[in-house]
C-alpha cells in the first residue's frame, strides 16, 4: 500500500490504517499501515488482493498525528 499526500506537514508522523467500513465514519482498524511522514508511506500487507476484495467495504484513514488521532486529515474508500 503506497500513500502519497500533498500538503502534509514536514517531519510529522501521521498514523494511517485500513479500517472496516467507509468514509467518513470508518469502524475498527483492520490493518495498520506505516505512518505517513513527509507525505509518504509504504506498507506491505500479508494478505492477497482477493482477500482484501472479500473484506470490503474498507477505507483508508490518515490521522493528524499520534496525539491528535481523533482528527482525520484524509479518508478514502478502497474500490477495486
PDB file of N, CA and C in Angstrom:
ATOM      1  N   UNK A   1       0.865  -1.170   0.000  1.00  0.00           N
ATOM      2  CA  UNK A   1       0.000   0.000   0.000  1.00  0.00           C
ATOM      3  C   UNK A   1       0.906   1.225   0.000  1.00  0.00           C
ATOM      4  N   UNK A   2       0.770   2.060  -1.003  1.00  0.00           N
ATOM      5  CA  UNK A   2       1.554   3.278  -1.098  1.00  0.00           C
ATOM      6  C   UNK A   2       0.627   4.473  -0.957  1.00  0.00           C
ATOM      7  N   UNK A   3       0.940   5.344  -0.016  1.00  0.00           N
ATOM      8  CA  UNK A   3       0.188   6.578   0.172  1.00  0.00           C
ATOM      9  C   UNK A   3       1.089   7.749  -0.183  1.00  0.00           C
ATOM     10  N   UNK A   4       0.580   8.664  -1.004  1.00  0.00           N
ATOM     11  CA  UNK A   4       1.281   9.892  -1.356  1.00  0.00           C
ATOM     12  C   UNK A   4       0.313  11.038  -1.104  1.00  0.00           C
ATOM     13  N   UNK A   5       0.689  11.914  -0.188  1.00  0.00           N
ATOM     14  CA  UNK A   5      -0.199  13.014   0.192  1.00  0.00           C
ATOM     15  C   UNK A   5       0.461  14.351  -0.105  1.00  0.00           C
ATOM     16  N   UNK A   6      -0.315  15.295  -0.572  1.00  0.00           N
ATOM     17  CA  UNK A   6       0.192  16.650  -0.784  1.00  0.00           C
ATOM     18  C   UNK A   6      -0.228  17.509   0.392  1.00  0.00           C
ATOM     19  N   UNK A   7       0.595  18.467   0.723  1.00  0.00           N
ATOM     20  CA  UNK A   7       0.287  19.386   1.818  1.00  0.00           C
ATOM     21  C   UNK A   7       0.523  18.815   3.196  1.00  0.00           C
ATOM     22  N   UNK A   8       1.170  17.673   3.291  1.00  0.00           N
ATOM     23  CA  UNK A   8       1.438  17.057   4.596  1.00  0.00           C
ATOM     24  C   UNK A   8       2.531  17.845   5.317  1.00  0.00           C
ATOM     25  N   UNK A   9       2.426  17.945   6.642  1.00  0.00           N
ATOM     26  CA  UNK A   9       3.450  18.680   7.389  1.00  0.00           C
ATOM     27  C   UNK A   9       4.796  17.948   7.378  1.00  0.00           C
ATOM     28  N   UNK A  10       5.866  18.699   7.280  1.00  0.00           N
ATOM     29  CA  UNK A  10       7.208  18.107   7.263  1.00  0.00           C
ATOM     30  C   UNK A  10       7.566  17.543   8.631  1.00  0.00           C
ATOM     31  N   UNK A  11       8.108  16.330   8.628  1.00  0.00           N
ATOM     32  CA  UNK A  11       8.633  15.734   9.848  1.00  0.00           C
ATOM     33  C   UNK A  11       7.597  15.258  10.857  1.00  0.00           C
ATOM     34  N   UNK A  12       6.326  15.259  10.508  1.00  0.00           N
ATOM     35  CA  UNK A  12       5.274  14.816  11.423  1.00  0.00           C
ATOM     36  C   UNK A  12       4.784  13.442  10.973  1.00  0.00           C
ATOM     37  N   UNK A  13       4.845  12.461  11.867  1.00  0.00           N
ATOM     38  CA  UNK A  13       4.325  11.133  11.563  1.00  0.00           C
ATOM     39  C   UNK A  13       2.816  11.145  11.734  1.00  0.00           C
ATOM     40  N   UNK A  14       2.114  10.795  10.666  1.00  0.00           N
ATOM     41  CA  UNK A  14       0.650  10.779  10.692  1.00  0.00           C
ATOM     42  C   UNK A  14       0.185   9.331  10.580  1.00  0.00           C
ATOM     43  N   UNK A  15      -0.348   8.769  11.680  1.00  0.00           N
ATOM     44  CA  UNK A  15      -0.777   7.373  11.664  1.00  0.00           C
ATOM     45  C   UNK A  15      -1.802   7.107  10.558  1.00  0.00           C
ATOM     46  N   UNK A  16      -1.713   5.933   9.948  1.00  0.00           N
ATOM     47  CA  UNK A  16      -2.620   5.548   8.869  1.00  0.00           C
ATOM     48  C   UNK A  16      -3.042   4.100   9.073  1.00  0.00           C
ATOM     49  N   UNK A  17      -4.279   3.815   8.687  1.00  0.00           N
ATOM     50  CA  UNK A  17      -4.833   2.474   8.864  1.00  0.00           C
ATOM     51  C   UNK A  17      -5.833   2.178   7.764  1.00  0.00           C
ATOM     52  N   UNK A  18      -6.020   0.887   7.504  1.00  0.00           N
ATOM     53  CA  UNK A  18      -7.180   0.438   6.746  1.00  0.00           C
ATOM     54  C   UNK A  18      -8.220   0.039   7.783  1.00  0.00           C
ATOM     55  N   UNK A  19      -9.390   0.649   7.664  1.00  0.00           N
ATOM     56  CA  UNK A  19     -10.475   0.415   8.620  1.00  0.00           C
ATOM     57  C   UNK A  19     -11.610  -0.354   7.961  1.00  0.00           C
ATOM     58  N   UNK A  20     -12.396  -1.033   8.786  1.00  0.00           N
ATOM     59  CA  UNK A  20     -13.644  -1.636   8.345  1.00  0.00           C
ATOM     60  C   UNK A  20     -14.630  -0.503   8.099  1.00  0.00           C
ATOM     61  N   UNK A  21     -15.389  -0.568   7.021  1.00  0.00           N
ATOM     62  CA  UNK A  21     -16.403   0.446   6.742  1.00  0.00           C
ATOM     63  C   UNK A  21     -15.933   1.470   5.731  1.00  0.00           C
ATOM     64  N   UNK A  22     -16.757   2.495   5.554  1.00  0.00           N
ATOM     65  CA  UNK A  22     -16.493   3.523   4.546  1.00  0.00           C
ATOM     66  C   UNK A  22     -16.399   4.898   5.187  1.00  0.00           C
ATOM     67  N   UNK A  23     -15.782   5.805   4.452  1.00  0.00           N
ATOM     68  CA  UNK A  23     -15.609   7.176   4.906  1.00  0.00           C
ATOM     69  C   UNK A  23     -16.937   7.918   4.835  1.00  0.00           C
ATOM     70  N   UNK A  24     -17.193   8.854   5.690  1.00  0.00           N
ATOM     71  CA  UNK A  24     -16.274   9.382   6.693  1.00  0.00           C
ATOM     72  C   UNK A  24     -16.356   8.686   8.041  1.00  0.00           C
ATOM     73  N   UNK A  25     -17.211   7.685   8.187  1.00  0.00           N
ATOM     74  CA  UNK A  25     -17.394   7.060   9.501  1.00  0.00           C
ATOM     75  C   UNK A  25     -16.889   5.626   9.497  1.00  0.00           C
ATOM     76  N   UNK A  26     -15.578   5.470   9.358  1.00  0.00           N
ATOM     77  CA  UNK A  26     -14.980   4.134   9.350  1.00  0.00           C
ATOM     78  C   UNK A  26     -15.075   3.515  10.739  1.00  0.00           C
ATOM     79  N   UNK A  27     -14.989   2.197  10.770  1.00  0.00           N
ATOM     80  CA  UNK A  27     -15.067   1.472  12.033  1.00  0.00           C
ATOM     81  C   UNK A  27     -13.686   1.089  12.548  1.00  0.00           C
ATOM     82  N   UNK A  28     -13.599  -0.121  13.060  1.00  0.00           N
ATOM     83  CA  UNK A  28     -12.372  -0.612  13.697  1.00  0.00           C
ATOM     84  C   UNK A  28     -11.219  -0.721  12.695  1.00  0.00           C
ATOM     85  N   UNK A  29     -10.003  -0.617  13.229  1.00  0.00           N
ATOM     86  CA  UNK A  29      -8.803  -0.802  12.408  1.00  0.00           C
ATOM     87  C   UNK A  29      -8.728  -2.264  11.982  1.00  0.00           C
ATOM     88  N   UNK A  30      -8.581  -2.485  10.695  1.00  0.00           N
ATOM     89  CA  UNK A  30      -8.421  -3.838  10.142  1.00  0.00           C
ATOM     90  C   UNK A  30      -6.941  -4.137   9.893  1.00  0.00           C
ATOM     91  N   UNK A  31      -6.227  -3.160   9.311  1.00  0.00           N
ATOM     92  CA  UNK A  31      -4.799  -3.315   9.017  1.00  0.00           C
ATOM     93  C   UNK A  31      -4.076  -2.013   9.329  1.00  0.00           C
ATOM     94  N   UNK A  32      -3.108  -2.034  10.238  1.00  0.00           N
ATOM     95  CA  UNK A  32      -2.297  -0.830  10.454  1.00  0.00           C
ATOM     96  C   UNK A  32      -1.358  -0.616   9.271  1.00  0.00           C
ATOM     97  N   UNK A  33      -1.138   0.632   8.928  1.00  0.00           N
ATOM     98  CA  UNK A  33      -0.207   0.995   7.862  1.00  0.00           C
ATOM     99  C   UNK A  33       0.947   1.782   8.462  1.00  0.00           C
ATOM    100  N   UNK A  34       2.050   1.856   7.742  1.00  0.00           N
ATOM    101  CA  UNK A  34       3.175   2.681   8.161  1.00  0.00           C
ATOM    102  C   UNK A  34       2.719   4.136   8.170  1.00  0.00           C
ATOM    103  N   UNK A  35       3.076   4.859   9.218  1.00  0.00           N
ATOM    104  CA  UNK A  35       2.667   6.264   9.333  1.00  0.00           C
ATOM    105  C   UNK A  35       3.165   7.069   8.139  1.00  0.00           C
ATOM    106  N   UNK A  36       2.342   8.015   7.710  1.00  0.00           N
ATOM    107  CA  UNK A  36       2.721   8.934   6.637  1.00  0.00           C
ATOM    108  C   UNK A  36       3.694   9.948   7.228  1.00  0.00           C
ATOM    109  N   UNK A  37       4.869  10.082   6.638  1.00  0.00           N
ATOM    110  CA  UNK A  37       5.860  11.071   7.068  1.00  0.00           C
ATOM    111  C   UNK A  37       6.336  11.813   5.834  1.00  0.00           C
ATOM    112  N   UNK A  38       6.302  13.120   5.909  1.00  0.00           N
ATOM    113  CA  UNK A  38       6.672  13.958   4.761  1.00  0.00           C
ATOM    114  C   UNK A  38       5.841  13.597   3.522  1.00  0.00           C
ATOM    115  N   UNK A  39       4.585  13.207   3.756  1.00  0.00           N
ATOM    116  CA  UNK A  39       3.661  12.925   2.664  1.00  0.00           C
ATOM    117  C   UNK A  39       3.751  11.547   2.048  1.00  0.00           C
ATOM    118  N   UNK A  40       4.589  10.654   2.604  1.00  0.00           N
ATOM    119  CA  UNK A  40       4.782   9.327   2.006  1.00  0.00           C
ATOM    120  C   UNK A  40       4.644   8.204   3.034  1.00  0.00           C
ATOM    121  N   UNK A  41       4.106   7.081   2.574  1.00  0.00           N
ATOM    122  CA  UNK A  41       4.013   5.873   3.394  1.00  0.00           C
ATOM    123  C   UNK A  41       3.969   4.662   2.469  1.00  0.00           C
ATOM    124  N   UNK A  42       4.706   3.623   2.825  1.00  0.00           N
ATOM    125  CA  UNK A  42       4.653   2.356   2.093  1.00  0.00           C
ATOM    126  C   UNK A  42       4.551   1.217   3.092  1.00  0.00           C
ATOM    127  N   UNK A  43       3.602   0.322   2.856  1.00  0.00           N
ATOM    128  CA  UNK A  43       3.371  -0.818   3.732  1.00  0.00           C
ATOM    129  C   UNK A  43       3.111  -2.050   2.880  1.00  0.00           C
ATOM    130  N   UNK A  44       3.712  -3.171   3.247  1.00  0.00           N
ATOM    131  CA  UNK A  44       3.406  -4.443   2.615  1.00  0.00           C
ATOM    132  C   UNK A  44       2.495  -5.224   3.552  1.00  0.00           C
ATOM    133  N   UNK A  45       1.299  -5.552   3.067  1.00  0.00           N
ATOM    134  CA  UNK A  45       0.344  -6.320   3.858  1.00  0.00           C
ATOM    135  C   UNK A  45       0.505  -7.801   3.556  1.00  0.00           C
ATOM    136  N   UNK A  46       0.260  -8.621   4.559  1.00  0.00           N
ATOM    137  CA  UNK A  46       0.357 -10.069   4.403  1.00  0.00           C
ATOM    138  C   UNK A  46      -1.025 -10.646   4.067  1.00  0.00           C
ATOM    139  N   UNK A  47      -1.658 -10.083   3.031  1.00  0.00           N
ATOM    140  CA  UNK A  47      -2.951 -10.559   2.550  1.00  0.00           C
ATOM    141  C   UNK A  47      -2.948 -10.468   1.027  1.00  0.00           C
ATOM    142  N   UNK A  48      -3.807 -11.239   0.405  1.00  0.00           N
ATOM    143  CA  UNK A  48      -3.911 -11.186  -1.050  1.00  0.00           C
ATOM    144  C   UNK A  48      -4.913 -10.105  -1.453  1.00  0.00           C
ATOM    145  N   UNK A  49      -4.835  -9.703  -2.695  1.00  0.00           N
ATOM    146  CA  UNK A  49      -5.788  -8.747  -3.228  1.00  0.00           C
ATOM    147  C   UNK A  49      -7.205  -9.326  -3.180  1.00  0.00           C
ATOM    148  N   UNK A  50      -7.335 -10.615  -3.474  1.00  0.00           N
ATOM    149  CA  UNK A  50      -8.647 -11.262  -3.409  1.00  0.00           C
ATOM    150  C   UNK A  50      -9.204 -11.238  -1.985  1.00  0.00           C
ATOM    151  N   UNK A  51      -8.333 -11.418  -0.991  1.00  0.00           N
ATOM    152  CA  UNK A  51      -8.797 -11.355   0.395  1.00  0.00           C
ATOM    153  C   UNK A  51      -9.294  -9.951   0.727  1.00  0.00           C
ATOM    154  N   UNK A  52      -8.538  -8.931   0.323  1.00  0.00           N
ATOM    155  CA  UNK A  52      -8.988  -7.553   0.569  1.00  0.00           C
ATOM    156  C   UNK A  52     -10.343  -7.296  -0.082  1.00  0.00           C
ATOM    157  N   UNK A  53     -10.503  -7.753  -1.313  1.00  0.00           N
ATOM    158  CA  UNK A  53     -11.775  -7.573  -2.014  1.00  0.00           C
ATOM    159  C   UNK A  53     -12.918  -8.228  -1.254  1.00  0.00           C
ATOM    160  N   UNK A  54     -12.664  -9.399  -0.668  1.00  0.00           N
ATOM    161  CA  UNK A  54     -13.707 -10.128   0.057  1.00  0.00           C
ATOM    162  C   UNK A  54     -14.070  -9.453   1.379  1.00  0.00           C
ATOM    163  N   UNK A  55     -13.212  -8.555   1.863  1.00  0.00           N
ATOM    164  CA  UNK A  55     -13.440  -7.880   3.145  1.00  0.00           C
ATOM    165  C   UNK A  55     -14.091  -6.507   2.992  1.00  0.00           C
ATOM    166  N   UNK A  56     -14.364  -6.087   1.755  1.00  0.00           N
ATOM    167  CA  UNK A  56     -14.992  -4.783   1.541  1.00  0.00           C
ATOM    168  C   UNK A  56     -16.334  -4.718   2.251  1.00  0.00           C
ATOM    169  N   UNK A  57     -16.764  -3.566   2.725  1.00  0.00           N
ATOM    170  CA  UNK A  57     -16.180  -2.247   2.494  1.00  0.00           C
ATOM    171  C   UNK A  57     -15.044  -1.952   3.477  1.00  0.00           C
ATOM    172  N   UNK A  58     -14.003  -1.305   2.944  1.00  0.00           N
ATOM    173  CA  UNK A  58     -12.835  -0.882   3.718  1.00  0.00           C
ATOM    174  C   UNK A  58     -12.483   0.546   3.328  1.00  0.00           C
ATOM    175  N   UNK A  59     -11.906   1.292   4.275  1.00  0.00           N
ATOM    176  CA  UNK A  59     -11.459   2.649   3.997  1.00  0.00           C
ATOM    177  C   UNK A  59     -10.099   2.907   4.596  1.00  0.00           C
ATOM    178  N   UNK A  60      -9.309   3.746   3.934  1.00  0.00           N
ATOM    179  CA  UNK A  60      -8.004   4.156   4.469  1.00  0.00           C
ATOM    180  C   UNK A  60      -8.191   5.502   5.140  1.00  0.00           C
ATOM    181  N   UNK A  61      -7.673   5.601   6.356  1.00  0.00           N
ATOM    182  CA  UNK A  61      -7.813   6.808   7.148  1.00  0.00           C
ATOM    183  C   UNK A  61      -6.435   7.259   7.609  1.00  0.00           C
ATOM    184  N   UNK A  62      -6.144   8.548   7.458  1.00  0.00           N
ATOM    185  CA  UNK A  62      -4.884   9.128   7.932  1.00  0.00           C
ATOM    186  C   UNK A  62      -5.240  10.141   9.016  1.00  0.00           C
ATOM    187  N   UNK A  63      -4.548  10.043  10.143  1.00  0.00           N
ATOM    188  CA  UNK A  63      -4.809  10.895  11.299  1.00  0.00           C
ATOM    189  C   UNK A  63      -3.820  12.060  11.340  1.00  0.00           C
ATOM    190  N   UNK A  64      -4.210  13.153  11.977  1.00  0.00           N
ATOM    191  CA  UNK A  64      -3.368  14.354  12.030  1.00  0.00           C
ATOM    192  C   UNK A  64      -2.009  14.052  12.669  1.00  0.00           C
ATOM    193  N   UNK A  65      -2.014  13.342  13.796  1.00  0.00           N
ATOM    194  CA  UNK A  65      -0.781  12.946  14.486  1.00  0.00           C
ATOM    195  C   UNK A  65      -1.162  11.892  15.522  1.00  0.00           C
ATOM    196  N   UNK A  66      -0.165  11.280  16.151  1.00  0.00           N
ATOM    197  CA  UNK A  66      -0.458  10.277  17.178  1.00  0.00           C
ATOM    198  C   UNK A  66      -1.204  10.904  18.351  1.00  0.00           C
ATOM    199  N   UNK A  67      -0.850  12.124  18.717  1.00  0.00           N
ATOM    200  CA  UNK A  67      -1.508  12.777  19.851  1.00  0.00           C
ATOM    201  C   UNK A  67      -2.877  13.347  19.480  1.00  0.00           C
ATOM    202  N   UNK A  68      -3.139  13.500  18.177  1.00  0.00           N
ATOM    203  CA  UNK A  68      -4.431  14.006  17.715  1.00  0.00           C
ATOM    204  C   UNK A  68      -5.080  12.984  16.771  1.00  0.00           C
ATOM    205  N   UNK A  69      -5.116  11.737  17.247  1.00  0.00           N
ATOM    206  CA  UNK A  69      -5.591  10.629  16.415  1.00  0.00           C
ATOM    207  C   UNK A  69      -7.076  10.717  16.085  1.00  0.00           C
ATOM    208  N   UNK A  70      -7.841  11.451  16.878  1.00  0.00           N
ATOM    209  CA  UNK A  70      -9.277  11.565  16.595  1.00  0.00           C
ATOM    210  C   UNK A  70      -9.555  12.504  15.421  1.00  0.00           C
ATOM    211  N   UNK A  71      -8.548  13.277  15.013  1.00  0.00           N
ATOM    212  CA  UNK A  71      -8.727  14.202  13.894  1.00  0.00           C
ATOM    213  C   UNK A  71      -8.172  13.569  12.625  1.00  0.00           C
ATOM    214  N   UNK A  72      -9.041  13.387  11.636  1.00  0.00           N
ATOM    215  CA  UNK A  72      -8.641  12.813  10.356  1.00  0.00           C
ATOM    216  C   UNK A  72      -8.209  13.921   9.403  1.00  0.00           C
ATOM    217  N   UNK A  73      -7.151  13.651   8.633  1.00  0.00           N
ATOM    218  CA  UNK A  73      -6.738  14.602   7.592  1.00  0.00           C
ATOM    219  C   UNK A  73      -7.006  14.050   6.192  1.00  0.00           C
ATOM    220  N   UNK A  74      -7.261  12.743   6.114  1.00  0.00           N
ATOM    221  CA  UNK A  74      -7.598  12.145   4.824  1.00  0.00           C
ATOM    222  C   UNK A  74      -8.359  10.853   5.075  1.00  0.00           C
ATOM    223  N   UNK A  75      -9.314  10.577   4.206  1.00  0.00           N
ATOM    224  CA  UNK A  75     -10.070   9.346   4.277  1.00  0.00           C
ATOM    225  C   UNK A  75     -10.522   8.982   2.868  1.00  0.00           C
ATOM    226  N   UNK A  76     -10.347   7.738   2.488  1.00  0.00           N
ATOM    227  CA  UNK A  76     -10.770   7.299   1.166  1.00  0.00           C
ATOM    228  C   UNK A  76     -11.178   5.838   1.188  1.00  0.00           C
ATOM    229  N   UNK A  77     -12.229   5.522   0.457  1.00  0.00           N
ATOM    230  CA  UNK A  77     -12.730   4.162   0.383  1.00  0.00           C
ATOM    231  C   UNK A  77     -11.894   3.331  -0.583  1.00  0.00           C
ATOM    232  N   UNK A  78     -11.658   2.076  -0.251  1.00  0.00           N
ATOM    233  CA  UNK A  78     -10.984   1.163  -1.168  1.00  0.00           C
ATOM    234  C   UNK A  78     -12.011   0.663  -2.188  1.00  0.00           C
ATOM    235  N   UNK A  79     -11.675   0.799  -3.446  1.00  0.00           N
ATOM    236  CA  UNK A  79     -12.529   0.306  -4.523  1.00  0.00           C
ATOM    237  C   UNK A  79     -11.658  -0.471  -5.504  1.00  0.00           C
ATOM    238  N   UNK A  80     -12.199  -1.552  -6.010  1.00  0.00           N
ATOM    239  CA  UNK A  80     -11.452  -2.400  -6.932  1.00  0.00           C
ATOM    240  C   UNK A  80     -12.255  -2.569  -8.208  1.00  0.00           C
TER     241      UNK A  80
END
